[in-house]
Amino acid sequence: MEIKPDMLEWKDAYKLLVGSIVPRPIAFVSTVDENGKANLAPFSFFTAISADPMLVCFSPMRKGTDGSKKDTLKNIEDTKEFVINVVSEEFTEQMNNTAIEFEADVDEFKETGLTKLDSVMVAPPAVKESKVQLECTLHQVLHFGEGAGSGSLVIGKVEYVRVADELYFDGKIDTEQLKPVGRMAGQMYTKPMADTFEMVRKR
């Protein structure tokens, strides 16, 4: 099968991407607007960029209904701060419920029963239930395309990291205890630690 992306409707191109690039980690992003109202939303276009400086990025697509910016992106552009909360198995249902298209003035923490935890270096609260929290300031944001199907790349500089004590040993994260959750295609998720294997890189 050979496919030219520019011949596809954006929804079909999206399905091709999310069905091919799997599993994807989830950036559970907390922000506040200019009035301090909290927002919480998951994004599965998410990865690390570099260790020094410590940079991470995620890509919020525009709303499929009207092509407008999502609240998370607007808040980050306004306040220049956000927190990426790593998602573990224990609160996947609450995470999924924050993906509902709430009105901008709705606090997803309150709607889903997740707990706010004061951040150390930035204004947006972290998710207390998350075992790894990356407090970020905005390094750069890039926009690609216009309207529905287009997206942005948000690059954040990690200013502070908070890790649950039981996960951190000898400078490393115990991923077995973290129990991270990944995103597959459609409505499917995965538990990466359920079936892992080790492969040593040849020198």
Protein backbone atom coordinates (compact mmCIF):
# COMPACT_ATOMS: atom_id res chain seq x y z
CA MET A 1 0.00 0.00 0.00
CA GLU A 2 1.39 3.39 -0.99
CA ILE A 3 -0.20 6.55 0.38
CA LYS A 4 0.39 10.23 -0.32
CA PRO A 5 -0.56 12.17 2.84
CA ASP A 6 -1.59 15.29 0.91
CA MET A 7 -4.31 13.22 -0.79
CA LEU A 8 -5.93 12.28 2.53
CA GLU A 9 -8.56 14.05 4.56
CA TRP A 10 -7.00 15.20 7.84
CA LYS A 11 -8.98 12.67 9.89
CA ASP A 12 -7.67 9.81 7.75
CA ALA A 13 -4.12 11.17 7.99
CA TYR A 14 -4.53 11.34 11.77
CA LYS A 15 -5.69 7.72 11.92
CA LEU A 16 -2.67 6.68 9.85
CA LEU A 17 -0.31 8.45 12.25
CA VAL A 18 -1.79 7.20 15.52
CA GLY A 19 -2.08 3.67 14.19
CA SER A 20 1.57 3.63 13.11
CA ILE A 21 3.34 5.47 15.91
CA VAL A 22 2.59 3.22 18.87
CA PRO A 23 2.74 3.00 21.78
CA ARG A 24 2.86 6.70 22.64
CA PRO A 25 3.51 8.12 26.13
CA ILE A 26 0.91 10.52 27.50
CA ALA A 27 1.68 14.07 28.55
CA PHE A 28 -0.96 14.92 31.14
CA VAL A 29 -0.63 18.70 31.02
CA SER A 30 -1.82 21.06 33.74
CA THR A 31 -2.01 24.79 33.10
CA VAL A 32 -3.74 27.89 34.43
CA ASP A 33 -5.26 30.79 32.54
CA GLU A 34 -4.45 34.43 33.21
CA ASN A 35 -7.03 34.46 36.02
CA GLY A 36 -5.56 31.39 37.73
CA LYS A 37 -8.27 28.93 36.61
CA ALA A 38 -6.76 25.46 36.29
CA ASN A 39 -6.98 23.25 33.21
CA LEU A 40 -5.95 19.64 32.74
CA ALA A 41 -5.75 17.65 29.49
CA PRO A 42 -3.92 14.60 28.02
CA PHE A 43 -1.79 14.64 24.85
CA SER A 44 -0.20 11.59 23.26
CA PHE A 45 2.08 13.39 20.79
CA PHE A 46 4.81 13.73 23.44
CA THR A 47 8.54 13.09 23.80
CA ALA A 48 11.87 14.31 25.18
CA ILE A 49 14.29 16.48 23.18
CA SER A 50 17.52 16.87 25.17
CA ALA A 51 19.03 16.42 28.63
CA ASP A 52 21.17 19.58 28.76
CA PRO A 53 19.19 21.74 28.59
CA MET A 54 16.40 19.45 29.74
CA LEU A 55 13.74 20.00 27.08
CA VAL A 56 10.51 18.13 26.42
CA CYS A 57 7.78 18.70 23.86
CA PHE A 58 4.19 17.83 23.10
CA SER A 59 1.86 18.66 20.23
CA PRO A 60 -1.68 19.88 20.83
CA MET A 61 -3.70 19.63 17.62
CA ARG A 62 -6.37 22.20 16.83
CA LYS A 63 -9.97 21.36 17.66
CA GLY A 64 -11.55 19.17 15.00
CA THR A 65 -14.82 21.09 15.19
CA ASP A 66 -13.68 24.60 14.27
CA GLY A 67 -9.87 24.56 14.12
CA SER A 68 -9.50 26.77 17.18
CA LYS A 69 -6.72 26.46 19.75
CA LYS A 70 -7.28 24.20 22.73
CA ASP A 71 -7.36 25.75 26.21
CA THR A 72 -4.01 24.17 27.11
CA LEU A 73 -2.22 25.89 24.24
CA LYS A 74 -3.88 29.24 24.89
CA ASN A 75 -2.97 29.07 28.58
CA ILE A 76 0.67 28.23 27.85
CA GLU A 77 0.97 31.06 25.33
CA ASP A 78 -0.51 33.47 27.90
CA THR A 79 1.34 32.37 31.05
CA LYS A 80 4.48 30.63 29.64
CA GLU A 81 4.22 27.80 32.21
CA PHE A 82 2.87 24.24 32.46
CA VAL A 83 3.35 20.90 34.22
CA ILE A 84 3.61 17.53 32.51
CA ASN A 85 2.29 14.80 34.81
CA VAL A 86 3.24 11.23 33.92
CA VAL A 87 0.20 8.92 33.78
CA SER A 88 0.17 5.68 35.78
CA GLU A 89 -2.38 2.87 35.75
CA GLU A 90 -4.00 4.02 38.99
CA PHE A 91 -5.70 7.11 37.54
CA THR A 92 -6.20 6.33 33.87
CA GLU A 93 -9.98 6.73 34.05
CA GLN A 94 -9.73 10.22 35.54
CA MET A 95 -7.13 11.12 32.91
CA ASN A 96 -9.44 9.94 30.15
CA ASN A 97 -12.33 11.99 31.56
CA THR A 98 -10.32 15.21 31.26
CA ALA A 99 -10.37 14.74 27.47
CA ILE A 100 -14.05 15.75 27.47
CA GLU A 101 -14.56 19.07 25.67
CA PHE A 102 -15.40 21.11 28.77
CA GLU A 103 -15.98 24.86 28.58
CA ALA A 104 -12.88 26.96 29.20
CA ASP A 105 -14.03 28.03 32.67
CA VAL A 106 -14.39 24.43 33.92
CA ASP A 107 -11.73 23.09 36.30
CA GLU A 108 -10.96 19.52 35.19
CA PHE A 109 -9.39 18.74 38.57
CA LYS A 110 -12.76 19.25 40.22
CA GLU A 111 -14.69 17.46 37.48
CA THR A 112 -12.57 14.30 37.70
CA GLY A 113 -11.69 14.20 41.39
CA LEU A 114 -7.95 14.53 40.84
CA THR A 115 -5.95 16.37 43.48
CA LYS A 116 -4.09 19.65 42.98
CA LEU A 117 -0.55 19.81 44.34
CA ASP A 118 1.22 23.16 44.54
CA SER A 119 4.17 23.30 42.17
CA VAL A 120 7.56 24.58 43.31
CA MET A 121 8.78 26.63 40.35
CA VAL A 122 5.65 27.39 38.29
CA ALA A 123 2.10 28.58 38.91
CA PRO A 124 0.06 25.66 37.48
CA PRO A 125 -0.65 22.93 40.03
CA ALA A 126 0.63 19.41 39.51
CA VAL A 127 -1.51 16.27 39.71
CA LYS A 128 -0.83 14.79 43.14
CA GLU A 129 -1.72 11.29 41.93
CA SER A 130 1.09 11.44 39.35
CA LYS A 131 4.37 9.86 40.45
CA VAL A 132 6.56 11.98 38.15
CA GLN A 133 5.89 15.67 37.52
CA LEU A 134 7.88 17.93 35.20
CA GLU A 135 7.46 21.64 35.94
CA CYS A 136 8.15 23.54 32.73
CA THR A 137 8.53 27.05 31.38
CA LEU A 138 7.80 27.69 27.72
CA HIS A 139 10.96 27.53 25.61
CA GLN A 140 9.33 27.82 22.20
CA VAL A 141 6.08 27.16 20.42
CA LEU A 142 5.79 26.48 16.70
CA HIS A 143 2.59 26.38 14.67
CA PHE A 144 1.98 24.16 11.63
CA GLY A 145 -0.94 24.49 9.24
CA GLU A 146 -4.28 26.18 9.78
CA GLY A 147 -7.67 24.98 10.89
CA ALA A 148 -8.82 21.47 11.81
CA GLY A 149 -6.06 18.89 11.53
CA SER A 150 -3.27 21.41 12.09
CA GLY A 151 -1.20 21.53 15.23
CA SER A 152 1.49 23.17 17.31
CA LEU A 153 4.73 22.01 18.88
CA VAL A 154 5.15 23.19 22.46
CA ILE A 155 8.73 22.94 23.71
CA GLY A 156 9.19 23.25 27.46
CA LYS A 157 12.30 23.70 29.58
CA VAL A 158 12.06 21.48 32.65
CA GLU A 159 12.74 23.69 35.66
CA TYR A 160 11.91 21.20 38.41
CA VAL A 161 11.23 17.48 38.66
CA ARG A 162 9.30 15.81 41.44
CA VAL A 163 9.47 12.01 41.71
CA ALA A 164 7.79 9.68 44.22
CA ASP A 165 10.40 8.45 46.67
CA GLU A 166 9.76 4.78 45.98
CA LEU A 167 10.52 5.21 42.27
CA TYR A 168 13.90 6.92 42.45
CA PHE A 169 17.10 5.00 43.13
CA ASP A 170 20.69 5.62 42.03
CA GLY A 171 19.57 8.36 39.67
CA LYS A 172 17.09 6.13 37.86
CA ILE A 173 13.31 5.74 37.69
CA ASP A 174 11.87 2.31 38.52
CA THR A 175 9.44 2.00 35.61
CA GLU A 176 7.99 -1.21 37.00
CA GLN A 177 6.74 0.72 40.03
CA LEU A 178 5.77 3.73 37.91
CA LYS A 179 3.32 1.56 35.91
CA PRO A 180 3.11 4.01 32.98
CA VAL A 181 0.26 3.93 30.49
CA GLY A 182 0.65 4.40 26.73
CA ARG A 183 -1.75 5.32 23.96
CA MET A 184 -2.50 3.11 20.98
CA ALA A 185 -4.86 3.75 18.06
CA GLY A 186 -8.56 4.52 18.51
CA GLN A 187 -9.77 3.96 22.06
CA MET A 188 -6.97 1.54 22.95
CA TYR A 189 -4.34 2.00 25.65
CA THR A 190 -1.45 -0.19 26.73
CA LYS A 191 0.45 -1.07 29.89
CA PRO A 192 4.06 -1.15 28.66
CA MET A 193 5.37 -3.08 31.67
CA ALA A 194 3.01 -6.00 31.05
CA ASP A 195 5.29 -7.69 28.53
CA THR A 196 8.80 -6.20 28.43
CA PHE A 197 12.12 -7.69 27.37
CA GLU A 198 15.74 -6.67 27.64
CA MET A 199 18.10 -6.23 24.71
CA VAL A 200 21.69 -5.13 25.35
CA ARG A 201 23.14 -2.74 22.79
CA LYS A 202 26.24 -4.11 21.07
CA ARG A 203 29.41 -2.08 21.54
